[in-house]
Amino acid sequence: MTAFTGKVVLITGGASGIGAEVARRLRAQGAHLVLIDIDSPRLRELAAELGGEHVVAVSADVRDFTAMQAAVAQGIERFGGIDIVVANAGIASYGSVLTVDPAAFRRVIEVNLVGCFHTVRAALPSVIERRGYVLIVSSLAAYLAMPGMAAYDASKAGIEHFANALRLEVAHRGVDVGSAHMSWIDTPLVRESFADLPAVGRALAALPRPIRKTTSVQKCAARFERGIGRRARRINVPAWVGALRWLRPLLQTLRAERAGSKTTPEWLPDMDAEVAGLGRSLSARTQALGED
């Protein structure tokens, strides 16, 4: 018996990256899973790997509230309810505010922020009934803005505050709410960005050593597993990311912003040129998966 034995865990963005690795770990601990992702082939493969009788796999877009309600209903019908929600689905766009495709910017906000709301809203009645736990997967970007990432930064800062507000709303109902904040994790999203935009790699190399280091998905998922098990208010990956929450007022001073943006004129125009060359403001995989 473990803390997850018999628990029902809903994970969005569950077909790959952090979501898939967390799913593997929690299934190994005896959890039943409701996995939601727009990538149907990968989702089916993971469900088969984990054992179909323990997994409800639903291909759905978090931007579609009706689809999320239906996905939650499938999970409840199979397993009786939802104990834990991991609102993990997220994407990023390419390009500065001056050059990013407005449709791509809007899509990042819709997936990362509105999709998080849809996920929580659909599952919350069952989570309240079971006095469960909700984990909102934010980012280091909620604490520290990066040029060229305005849509992602805004969405991740937004869902951090969403988590904070939700925590206040449901605490008296026995529900705990946490937010997760990660630096660079070796996910498909990050690898695609580095492959498409060499300038991003150069920008990363100019950052202080801790920030430019990439953490494996396995190490990240291990911290998620521990944090979910103790119903943590915050999960920071690596642990030093938590310090940035307290340093945020200093990081937003004029002196800090000037120091942090010294190299921006060197790489941001190159990144925008690379985006123009690609002819898209999303990774090829993300763009293909989200086409209506």
Protein backbone atom coordinates (compact mmCIF):
# COMPACT_ATOMS: atom_id res chain seq x y z
CA MET A 1 0.00 0.00 0.00
CA THR A 2 1.18 3.52 -0.85
CA ALA A 3 -0.23 7.03 -0.58
CA PHE A 4 -1.50 6.61 -4.15
CA THR A 5 -3.02 3.13 -3.91
CA GLY A 6 -6.56 3.33 -5.26
CA LYS A 7 -6.40 7.08 -5.82
CA VAL A 8 -7.71 8.44 -9.11
CA VAL A 9 -5.37 10.96 -10.72
CA LEU A 10 -6.31 13.11 -13.69
CA ILE A 11 -3.38 14.45 -15.72
CA THR A 12 -3.63 16.77 -18.71
CA GLY A 13 -0.77 16.80 -21.19
CA GLY A 14 -0.44 13.22 -20.08
CA ALA A 15 0.89 11.62 -23.28
CA SER A 16 4.49 12.82 -23.13
CA GLY A 17 7.08 14.76 -21.17
CA ILE A 18 6.43 15.48 -17.50
CA GLY A 19 2.82 14.33 -17.64
CA ALA A 20 3.69 10.89 -19.00
CA GLU A 21 6.53 10.34 -16.54
CA VAL A 22 4.37 11.36 -13.58
CA ALA A 23 1.70 8.98 -14.86
CA ARG A 24 4.22 6.10 -14.93
CA ARG A 25 5.35 6.83 -11.39
CA LEU A 26 1.88 7.13 -9.91
CA ARG A 27 0.60 4.02 -11.71
CA ALA A 28 3.56 2.13 -10.21
CA GLN A 29 2.35 3.38 -6.82
CA GLY A 30 -1.12 1.94 -7.38
CA ALA A 31 -3.01 4.93 -8.74
CA HIS A 32 -5.76 4.78 -11.36
CA LEU A 33 -5.23 7.33 -14.12
CA VAL A 34 -7.36 9.60 -16.28
CA LEU A 35 -4.96 10.80 -18.97
CA ILE A 36 -5.96 13.62 -21.29
CA ASP A 37 -3.99 14.81 -24.27
CA ILE A 38 -4.54 16.05 -27.80
CA ASP A 39 -1.87 13.65 -29.12
CA SER A 40 -4.00 10.54 -29.63
CA PRO A 41 -1.30 8.11 -30.90
CA ARG A 42 1.08 8.78 -28.00
CA LEU A 43 -1.80 8.67 -25.56
CA ARG A 44 -2.90 5.23 -26.78
CA GLU A 45 0.67 3.93 -26.57
CA LEU A 46 1.09 5.11 -22.99
CA ALA A 47 -2.28 3.72 -21.91
CA ALA A 48 -1.31 0.32 -23.34
CA GLU A 49 2.06 0.50 -21.57
CA LEU A 50 0.47 1.27 -18.20
CA GLY A 51 -2.32 -1.29 -18.40
CA GLY A 52 -5.65 -0.40 -19.93
CA GLU A 53 -7.74 -1.54 -16.99
CA HIS A 54 -6.10 1.09 -14.80
CA VAL A 55 -6.20 3.95 -17.31
CA VAL A 56 -8.88 6.04 -18.97
CA ALA A 57 -7.22 7.74 -21.93
CA VAL A 58 -9.17 10.59 -23.51
CA SER A 59 -8.10 12.55 -26.56
CA ALA A 60 -9.32 16.07 -25.84
CA ASP A 61 -8.26 19.69 -26.21
CA VAL A 62 -8.14 21.58 -22.91
CA ARG A 63 -9.40 24.64 -24.76
CA ASP A 64 -12.77 22.88 -25.15
CA PHE A 65 -14.64 22.95 -21.83
CA THR A 66 -17.34 20.56 -23.02
CA ALA A 67 -14.68 18.05 -24.03
CA MET A 68 -13.03 18.37 -20.62
CA GLN A 69 -16.34 17.79 -18.86
CA ALA A 70 -16.84 14.66 -20.94
CA ALA A 71 -13.32 13.43 -20.14
CA VAL A 72 -13.88 13.90 -16.41
CA ALA A 73 -17.22 12.13 -16.69
CA GLN A 74 -15.50 9.13 -18.28
CA GLY A 75 -13.01 8.96 -15.43
CA ILE A 76 -15.74 9.18 -12.81
CA GLU A 77 -17.81 6.54 -14.56
CA ARG A 78 -14.86 4.13 -14.63
CA PHE A 79 -13.28 4.78 -11.23
CA GLY A 80 -15.96 6.48 -9.17
CA GLY A 81 -14.41 9.93 -8.78
CA ILE A 82 -11.31 12.11 -9.05
CA ASP A 83 -8.93 12.49 -6.10
CA ILE A 84 -6.03 14.40 -7.66
CA VAL A 85 -5.78 16.77 -10.62
CA VAL A 86 -2.49 17.63 -12.31
CA ALA A 87 -3.20 20.52 -14.70
CA ASN A 88 -0.07 20.06 -16.78
CA ALA A 89 -0.98 20.76 -20.42
CA GLY A 90 1.12 23.60 -21.82
CA ILE A 91 2.71 24.98 -24.95
CA ALA A 92 5.02 27.87 -25.88
CA SER A 93 5.23 30.24 -28.83
CA TYR A 94 8.23 31.56 -30.76
CA GLY A 95 9.14 35.20 -31.28
CA SER A 96 9.19 38.56 -29.56
CA VAL A 97 6.03 40.60 -28.97
CA LEU A 98 6.87 42.56 -32.12
CA THR A 99 7.00 39.50 -34.37
CA VAL A 100 5.06 36.60 -32.82
CA ASP A 101 1.99 35.44 -34.73
CA PRO A 102 -0.98 36.83 -32.76
CA ALA A 103 -2.86 33.56 -33.28
CA ALA A 104 0.02 31.65 -31.70
CA PHE A 105 0.16 34.08 -28.77
CA ARG A 106 -3.56 33.65 -28.20
CA ARG A 107 -3.28 29.88 -28.43
CA VAL A 108 -0.62 29.80 -25.69
CA ILE A 109 -2.92 31.76 -23.39
CA GLU A 110 -5.89 29.54 -24.26
CA VAL A 111 -4.03 26.27 -23.64
CA ASN A 112 -1.95 27.27 -20.64
CA LEU A 113 -4.32 29.55 -18.76
CA VAL A 114 -7.87 28.96 -19.99
CA GLY A 115 -7.17 25.24 -20.40
CA CYS A 116 -6.01 25.09 -16.79
CA PHE A 117 -9.29 26.67 -15.69
CA HIS A 118 -11.31 24.24 -17.83
CA THR A 119 -9.46 21.28 -16.32
CA VAL A 120 -9.98 22.38 -12.74
CA ARG A 121 -13.57 23.53 -13.22
CA ALA A 122 -14.59 20.22 -14.80
CA ALA A 123 -12.99 18.06 -12.11
CA LEU A 124 -13.45 20.24 -9.03
CA PRO A 125 -16.84 18.95 -7.83
CA SER A 126 -15.46 15.41 -7.58
CA VAL A 127 -12.19 16.62 -6.01
CA ILE A 128 -14.18 18.51 -3.39
CA GLU A 129 -16.31 15.45 -2.70
CA ARG A 130 -13.14 13.43 -2.07
CA ARG A 131 -11.29 16.24 -0.25
CA GLY A 132 -8.53 15.88 -2.78
CA TYR A 133 -5.60 17.82 -4.22
CA VAL A 134 -5.03 20.02 -7.26
CA LEU A 135 -1.58 20.72 -8.73
CA ILE A 136 -1.29 23.61 -11.17
CA VAL A 137 1.84 23.22 -13.31
CA SER A 138 3.27 26.71 -13.64
CA SER A 139 6.95 27.49 -14.22
CA LEU A 140 9.99 29.46 -13.12
CA ALA A 141 8.58 31.90 -15.70
CA ALA A 142 6.00 32.94 -13.10
CA TYR A 143 8.86 34.38 -11.05
CA LEU A 144 11.30 35.54 -13.72
CA ALA A 145 10.30 37.00 -17.10
CA MET A 146 12.37 36.15 -20.17
CA PRO A 147 12.47 38.15 -23.42
CA GLY A 148 11.02 36.28 -26.36
CA MET A 149 8.65 34.35 -24.07
CA ALA A 150 5.94 36.91 -23.32
CA ALA A 151 2.95 34.63 -23.94
CA TYR A 152 4.45 31.78 -21.91
CA ASP A 153 5.52 34.12 -19.10
CA ALA A 154 2.09 35.73 -18.92
CA SER A 155 0.25 32.41 -18.93
CA LYS A 156 2.45 30.83 -16.25
CA ALA A 157 2.26 33.90 -14.01
CA GLY A 158 -1.50 33.82 -14.52
CA ILE A 159 -1.94 30.23 -13.46
CA GLU A 160 0.24 30.75 -10.40
CA HIS A 161 -2.26 33.39 -9.24
CA PHE A 162 -5.11 31.14 -10.31
CA ALA A 163 -3.68 28.47 -7.99
CA ASN A 164 -3.36 31.00 -5.16
CA ALA A 165 -6.97 32.13 -5.57
CA LEU A 166 -8.26 28.57 -5.87
CA ARG A 167 -6.41 27.58 -2.68
CA LEU A 168 -8.28 30.28 -0.76
CA GLU A 169 -11.62 29.23 -2.24
CA VAL A 170 -11.43 25.51 -1.45
CA ALA A 171 -9.31 25.22 1.71
CA HIS A 172 -12.39 25.10 3.93
CA ARG A 173 -13.69 22.23 1.80
CA GLY A 174 -10.68 20.07 2.61
CA VAL A 175 -9.01 20.51 -0.78
CA ASP A 176 -5.33 21.42 -1.02
CA VAL A 177 -3.89 23.31 -4.00
CA GLY A 178 -0.28 23.49 -5.13
CA SER A 179 1.66 25.05 -7.96
CA ALA A 180 4.76 23.61 -9.64
CA HIS A 181 7.62 25.79 -10.84
CA MET A 182 10.32 24.32 -13.04
CA SER A 183 13.38 25.65 -14.78
CA TRP A 184 14.45 24.06 -18.08
CA ILE A 185 13.28 20.44 -18.23
CA ASP A 186 14.33 18.05 -20.99
CA THR A 187 10.84 17.74 -22.50
CA PRO A 188 9.82 17.60 -26.17
CA LEU A 189 8.69 21.24 -25.84
CA VAL A 190 12.16 22.40 -24.76
CA ARG A 191 14.04 20.18 -27.24
CA GLU A 192 11.91 21.44 -30.12
CA SER A 193 12.59 25.06 -29.14
CA PHE A 194 16.36 24.50 -29.08
CA ALA A 195 16.26 22.65 -32.40
CA ASP A 196 14.15 25.28 -34.15
CA LEU A 197 15.84 28.35 -32.67
CA PRO A 198 19.62 28.22 -32.19
CA ALA A 199 19.48 31.77 -30.81
CA VAL A 200 17.58 30.45 -27.79
CA GLY A 201 20.52 28.21 -26.98
CA ARG A 202 22.86 31.18 -27.14
CA ALA A 203 20.56 33.20 -24.87
CA LEU A 204 20.43 30.33 -22.39
CA ALA A 205 24.22 30.05 -22.36
CA ALA A 206 24.46 33.68 -21.27
CA LEU A 207 22.35 33.10 -18.16
CA PRO A 208 23.79 32.29 -14.71
CA ARG A 209 24.81 28.66 -14.35
CA PRO A 210 21.86 27.37 -12.28
CA ILE A 211 19.28 28.85 -14.66
CA ARG A 212 20.88 27.53 -17.82
CA LYS A 213 21.09 23.93 -16.59
CA THR A 214 18.52 21.47 -17.96
CA THR A 215 16.95 18.88 -15.62
CA SER A 216 15.86 15.43 -16.77
CA VAL A 217 12.17 14.57 -16.98
CA GLN A 218 12.81 11.67 -14.60
CA LYS A 219 14.21 13.91 -11.85
CA CYS A 220 11.40 16.39 -12.36
CA ALA A 221 8.72 13.69 -12.15
CA ALA A 222 10.32 12.29 -8.99
CA ARG A 223 9.91 15.68 -7.29
CA PHE A 224 6.33 15.88 -8.54
CA GLU A 225 5.60 12.44 -7.08
CA ARG A 226 6.93 13.48 -3.68
CA GLY A 227 5.15 16.81 -3.76
CA ILE A 228 1.80 15.37 -4.80
CA GLY A 229 2.13 12.71 -2.09
CA ARG A 230 2.43 15.37 0.61
CA ARG A 231 -0.11 17.72 -1.03
CA ALA A 232 2.54 20.42 -1.33
CA ARG A 233 1.69 24.10 -1.74
CA ARG A 234 4.66 24.48 -4.09
CA ILE A 235 6.93 22.12 -5.97
CA ASN A 236 10.16 23.67 -7.26
CA VAL A 237 12.41 21.90 -9.77
CA PRO A 238 15.30 22.17 -9.08
CA ALA A 239 14.88 23.22 -5.45
CA TRP A 240 16.70 26.54 -5.95
CA VAL A 241 13.82 27.79 -8.13
CA GLY A 242 11.90 28.43 -4.91
CA ALA A 243 14.38 31.17 -3.97
CA LEU A 244 13.30 33.19 -7.01
CA ARG A 245 9.82 33.53 -5.57
CA TRP A 246 11.27 35.49 -2.67
CA LEU A 247 13.72 37.38 -4.87
CA ARG A 248 11.06 38.44 -7.37
CA PRO A 249 10.83 42.06 -6.14
CA LEU A 250 14.60 42.43 -6.57
CA LEU A 251 14.57 40.79 -9.99
CA GLN A 252 12.06 43.41 -11.15
CA THR A 253 14.13 46.44 -10.18
CA LEU A 254 15.56 48.63 -12.91
CA ARG A 255 19.14 47.63 -12.09
CA ALA A 256 18.38 43.90 -12.25
CA GLU A 257 16.43 44.25 -15.48
CA ARG A 258 19.25 46.21 -17.11
CA ALA A 259 21.78 43.58 -16.07
CA GLY A 260 19.57 40.74 -17.24
CA SER A 261 18.87 42.26 -20.63
CA LYS A 262 22.45 43.14 -21.60
CA THR A 263 22.71 40.30 -24.12
CA THR A 264 19.14 40.62 -25.45
CA PRO A 265 20.11 42.92 -28.37
CA GLU A 266 22.61 40.29 -29.45
CA TRP A 267 20.30 37.28 -29.72
CA LEU A 268 16.66 38.49 -29.87
CA PRO A 269 16.88 39.82 -33.47
CA ASP A 270 18.50 36.53 -34.48
CA MET A 271 15.66 34.59 -32.87
CA ASP A 272 13.05 36.67 -34.65
CA ALA A 273 14.87 36.09 -37.94
CA GLU A 274 14.88 32.35 -37.25
CA VAL A 275 11.15 32.45 -36.53
CA ALA A 276 10.56 34.29 -39.79
CA GLY A 277 12.60 31.65 -41.60
CA LEU A 278 10.50 28.89 -40.08
CA GLY A 279 7.30 30.60 -41.12
CA ARG A 280 5.61 29.65 -37.85
CA SER A 281 5.50 30.79 -34.23
CA LEU A 282 4.98 27.29 -32.79
CA SER A 283 6.92 24.06 -33.00
CA ALA A 284 5.87 21.91 -35.95
CA ARG A 285 4.45 19.26 -33.62
CA THR A 286 2.44 21.73 -31.56
CA GLN A 287 1.10 23.44 -34.66
CA ALA A 288 0.03 20.14 -36.24
CA LEU A 289 -1.66 18.87 -33.08
CA GLY A 290 -3.72 22.01 -32.61
CA GLU A 291 -5.06 22.41 -36.11
CA ASP A 292 -8.83 22.38 -36.15
